[in-house]
């Protein structure tokens, strides 16, 4: 079966997941991580993609991003892949691929899922046992949102600004959001949508996307179509 084209739309929120080949590490040390994050910042600026949240895990990268053009997200990720893999291979005297393949992504309805996705992304290090406080993990946007440090990569969305009238209020509210945690089934739904490339949102959101792209916005039911039944007189 032919692979569906990726659905990426200007001015829409997208959840992006990029995994290492065979789930192998995509960075060996902090110098690699700094190279990757610097490349991401440059590529996001070049292709005008706003990054709202991120986490760099040992074998994958999560982004919450809004491109300003239909092509911006793909161009940013392609440029990031080329630039980082070239530097990584040169640094470690290796050849070949580093990534699983093409990145996974799906549009997401911001009103319903932006803050839950931000939380899910920034809780990744805690779930993996890499930190006990999200702000302590140096390779995510959590420290920025919790007021620990300013991250020039991050463009805070309106939903985050609405959490409080002052930076302190927003940071305190976000801390509470993170401490509340998330339901595993909800987290898996967010991940599955991105991995499978299906938009996540309300019926009206999906209908609006269908007006913007000929690509299907939901999987077709499995199995043969049901036969129509005649209505008895």
Protein backbone atom coordinates (compact mmCIF):
# COMPACT_ATOMS: atom_id res chain seq x y z
CA UNK A 1 0.00 0.00 0.00
CA UNK A 2 1.34 3.42 -0.94
CA UNK A 3 2.55 5.59 1.90
CA UNK A 4 0.40 8.61 2.57
CA UNK A 5 2.09 11.99 2.16
CA UNK A 6 2.77 13.80 5.39
CA UNK A 7 0.14 16.37 6.31
CA UNK A 8 1.83 19.64 7.28
CA UNK A 9 -0.02 22.93 7.15
CA UNK A 10 0.97 26.54 7.62
CA UNK A 11 0.00 28.20 10.88
CA UNK A 12 -1.14 24.93 12.46
CA UNK A 13 0.33 23.28 15.52
CA UNK A 14 2.24 20.03 14.84
CA UNK A 15 3.61 17.33 17.11
CA UNK A 16 6.88 16.02 15.67
CA UNK A 17 8.76 12.86 16.64
CA UNK A 18 12.13 11.95 15.11
CA UNK A 19 13.70 8.68 16.26
CA UNK A 20 17.12 7.17 15.93
CA UNK A 21 17.72 4.31 13.49
CA UNK A 22 16.66 1.08 15.22
CA UNK A 23 16.03 3.29 18.27
CA UNK A 24 19.78 3.75 18.68
CA UNK A 25 21.14 6.86 20.45
CA UNK A 26 21.11 10.04 18.38
CA UNK A 27 23.76 11.71 20.56
CA UNK A 28 26.69 10.23 22.43
CA UNK A 29 27.56 13.14 24.71
CA UNK A 30 26.71 16.73 25.58
CA UNK A 31 28.80 18.08 22.71
CA UNK A 32 26.58 16.15 20.31
CA UNK A 33 23.49 17.48 22.04
CA UNK A 34 24.75 21.04 21.80
CA UNK A 35 25.43 20.53 18.08
CA UNK A 36 21.91 19.23 17.52
CA UNK A 37 20.21 22.00 19.48
CA UNK A 38 22.26 24.71 17.75
CA UNK A 39 21.35 23.23 14.37
CA UNK A 40 17.68 23.08 15.35
CA UNK A 41 17.68 26.73 16.40
CA UNK A 42 19.29 27.83 13.12
CA UNK A 43 17.03 25.68 10.94
CA UNK A 44 13.88 26.80 12.77
CA UNK A 45 14.84 30.43 12.20
CA UNK A 46 15.75 29.85 8.55
CA UNK A 47 12.48 28.15 7.69
CA UNK A 48 10.35 30.26 10.03
CA UNK A 49 9.07 27.51 12.27
CA UNK A 50 8.06 28.47 15.80
CA UNK A 51 9.13 25.93 18.43
CA UNK A 52 6.85 25.90 21.48
CA UNK A 53 8.24 22.89 23.36
CA UNK A 54 10.88 20.21 22.86
CA UNK A 55 12.75 17.41 24.52
CA UNK A 56 15.90 15.70 23.29
CA UNK A 57 15.91 12.16 24.65
CA UNK A 58 18.71 9.61 24.19
CA UNK A 59 17.16 8.05 21.08
CA UNK A 60 14.50 10.48 19.88
CA UNK A 61 13.44 14.09 19.63
CA UNK A 62 10.00 15.58 20.34
CA UNK A 63 8.96 18.99 19.03
CA UNK A 64 5.80 21.04 19.29
CA UNK A 65 6.00 23.44 16.37
CA UNK A 66 4.03 25.83 14.16
CA UNK A 67 5.38 26.45 10.63
CA UNK A 68 4.51 29.61 8.72
CA UNK A 69 4.32 27.76 5.39
CA UNK A 70 3.11 24.35 4.27
CA UNK A 71 6.69 23.36 3.37
CA UNK A 72 8.42 24.90 6.37
CA UNK A 73 8.27 21.95 8.75
CA UNK A 74 9.64 19.44 6.25
CA UNK A 75 12.36 21.79 5.08
CA UNK A 76 13.43 22.51 8.64
CA UNK A 77 13.61 18.82 9.55
CA UNK A 78 15.44 17.89 6.34
CA UNK A 79 18.00 20.63 6.88
CA UNK A 80 18.39 19.63 10.53
CA UNK A 81 18.96 16.02 9.56
CA UNK A 82 21.59 16.80 6.93
CA UNK A 83 23.47 19.29 9.07
CA UNK A 84 23.50 17.30 12.29
CA UNK A 85 24.26 13.91 10.74
CA UNK A 86 27.20 15.37 8.81
CA UNK A 87 28.63 16.88 12.00
CA UNK A 88 27.90 13.74 14.05
CA UNK A 89 29.52 11.42 11.51
CA UNK A 90 32.58 13.62 11.16
CA UNK A 91 32.98 13.91 14.91
CA UNK A 92 32.67 10.17 15.51
CA UNK A 93 34.41 9.05 12.29
CA UNK A 94 31.45 7.09 11.03
CA UNK A 95 29.28 6.93 7.92
CA UNK A 96 25.67 6.09 7.26
CA UNK A 97 22.31 7.05 8.56
CA UNK A 98 21.47 8.14 12.08
CA UNK A 99 17.72 8.61 11.90
CA UNK A 100 14.99 5.99 11.62
CA UNK A 101 13.82 7.48 8.33
CA UNK A 102 11.53 10.38 7.71
CA UNK A 103 10.31 12.19 10.77
CA UNK A 104 6.78 11.58 12.07
CA UNK A 105 4.35 14.44 12.57
CA UNK A 106 0.69 15.36 12.63
CA UNK A 107 -1.34 18.56 12.95
CA UNK A 108 -2.98 19.03 16.33
CA UNK A 109 -5.88 21.20 17.44
CA UNK A 110 -4.17 23.77 19.66
CA UNK A 111 -7.22 24.70 21.73
CA UNK A 112 -7.59 21.15 23.03
CA UNK A 113 -4.11 19.68 22.92
CA UNK A 114 -1.38 22.33 23.03
CA UNK A 115 -0.92 22.40 26.80
CA UNK A 116 -1.37 18.62 27.26
CA UNK A 117 1.27 18.05 24.57
CA UNK A 118 3.65 20.54 26.14
CA UNK A 119 3.27 18.70 29.44
CA UNK A 120 3.71 15.28 27.88
CA UNK A 121 6.86 16.38 26.07
CA UNK A 122 8.43 17.97 29.13
CA UNK A 123 7.62 14.97 31.36
CA UNK A 124 9.56 12.58 29.10
CA UNK A 125 12.78 12.72 31.17
CA UNK A 126 10.87 11.90 34.36
CA UNK A 127 9.19 8.88 32.80
CA UNK A 128 12.58 7.66 31.58
CA UNK A 129 14.23 8.16 34.98
CA UNK A 130 16.62 10.81 33.66
CA UNK A 131 15.47 13.53 36.09
CA UNK A 132 13.26 14.01 39.13
CA UNK A 133 12.42 17.63 38.32
CA UNK A 134 11.61 18.61 34.72
CA UNK A 135 13.56 21.86 35.12
CA UNK A 136 16.72 19.91 35.95
CA UNK A 137 16.85 18.20 32.56
CA UNK A 138 19.04 20.44 30.38
CA UNK A 139 17.77 19.25 26.99
CA UNK A 140 14.14 20.28 27.12
CA UNK A 141 11.97 23.40 27.21
CA UNK A 142 10.84 22.73 30.79
CA UNK A 143 13.49 24.94 32.38
CA UNK A 144 12.32 27.82 30.18
CA UNK A 145 8.67 27.38 31.06
CA UNK A 146 9.45 27.01 34.76
CA UNK A 147 11.56 30.17 34.86
CA UNK A 148 14.90 28.45 35.42
CA UNK A 149 16.48 29.91 32.28
CA UNK A 150 15.48 31.67 29.09
CA UNK A 151 15.63 29.48 25.99
CA UNK A 152 16.06 31.45 22.73
CA UNK A 153 14.67 28.52 20.75
CA UNK A 154 11.25 28.78 22.38
CA UNK A 155 8.33 30.83 21.10
CA UNK A 156 5.68 30.75 23.82
CA UNK A 157 2.16 30.28 22.38
CA UNK A 158 -0.85 32.35 23.48
CA UNK A 159 -2.23 29.44 25.51
CA UNK A 160 0.88 29.50 27.69
CA UNK A 161 0.71 33.28 28.15
CA UNK A 162 -2.89 32.84 29.29
CA UNK A 163 -1.75 30.80 32.29
CA UNK A 164 -1.04 33.99 34.26
CA UNK A 165 -0.60 37.74 34.09
CA UNK A 166 3.04 37.68 35.19
CA UNK A 167 5.98 35.35 34.51
CA UNK A 168 5.78 34.14 38.11
CA UNK A 169 2.09 33.26 37.78
CA UNK A 170 2.67 31.41 34.52
CA UNK A 171 5.62 29.48 35.93
CA UNK A 172 3.68 28.53 39.06
CA UNK A 173 0.67 27.40 37.06
CA UNK A 174 2.88 25.38 34.73
CA UNK A 175 4.61 23.75 37.68
CA UNK A 176 1.19 22.62 38.90
CA UNK A 177 0.34 21.29 35.45
CA UNK A 178 3.50 19.20 35.41
CA UNK A 179 2.99 17.95 38.95
CA UNK A 180 -0.52 16.80 38.08
CA UNK A 181 1.00 14.39 35.58
CA UNK A 182 -0.95 12.72 32.82
CA UNK A 183 -3.04 9.64 32.20
CA UNK A 184 -1.06 7.01 30.30
CA UNK A 185 -3.86 6.38 27.82
CA UNK A 186 -3.98 10.09 27.01
CA UNK A 187 -0.21 10.21 26.57
CA UNK A 188 -0.28 7.22 24.25
CA UNK A 189 -3.01 8.82 22.17
CA UNK A 190 -0.83 11.89 21.64
CA UNK A 191 2.16 9.78 20.61
CA UNK A 192 0.19 7.46 18.35
CA UNK A 193 -1.32 10.36 16.43
CA UNK A 194 2.13 11.71 15.56
CA UNK A 195 3.65 8.31 14.78
CA UNK A 196 0.78 7.37 12.47
CA UNK A 197 0.45 10.84 10.95
CA UNK A 198 -3.23 11.32 11.71
CA UNK A 199 -4.40 14.78 12.84
CA UNK A 200 -5.69 15.06 16.38
CA UNK A 201 -8.70 17.22 17.12
CA UNK A 202 -12.44 17.67 17.13
CA UNK A 203 -14.67 16.75 14.17
CA UNK A 204 -14.90 20.42 13.21
CA UNK A 205 -11.10 20.71 13.28
CA UNK A 206 -10.71 17.65 11.06
CA UNK A 207 -13.35 18.98 8.69
CA UNK A 208 -11.49 22.28 8.42
CA UNK A 209 -8.24 20.43 7.62
CA UNK A 210 -10.02 18.45 4.93
CA UNK A 211 -10.82 21.73 3.20
CA UNK A 212 -7.12 22.60 3.14
CA UNK A 213 -5.64 19.34 1.86
CA UNK A 214 -6.79 16.44 -0.34
CA UNK A 215 -5.03 14.01 1.99
CA UNK A 216 -7.37 11.98 4.25
CA UNK A 217 -7.56 13.29 7.81
CA UNK A 218 -8.63 9.98 9.38
CA UNK A 219 -7.99 6.30 8.60
CA UNK A 220 -10.61 4.47 6.61
CA UNK A 221 -12.51 1.68 8.39
CA UNK A 222 -10.85 -1.70 7.98
CA UNK A 223 -12.43 -4.53 6.03
CA UNK A 224 -14.72 -4.60 3.08
CA UNK A 225 -17.40 -1.95 2.71
CA UNK A 226 -20.72 -3.07 4.09
CA UNK A 227 -23.29 -4.04 1.48
CA UNK A 228 -26.27 -1.76 1.29
CA UNK A 229 -29.44 -3.43 2.44
CA UNK A 230 -32.74 -2.96 0.67
CA UNK A 231 -35.48 -1.45 2.73
CA UNK A 232 -38.52 -3.76 2.92
CA UNK A 233 -41.80 -2.40 1.64
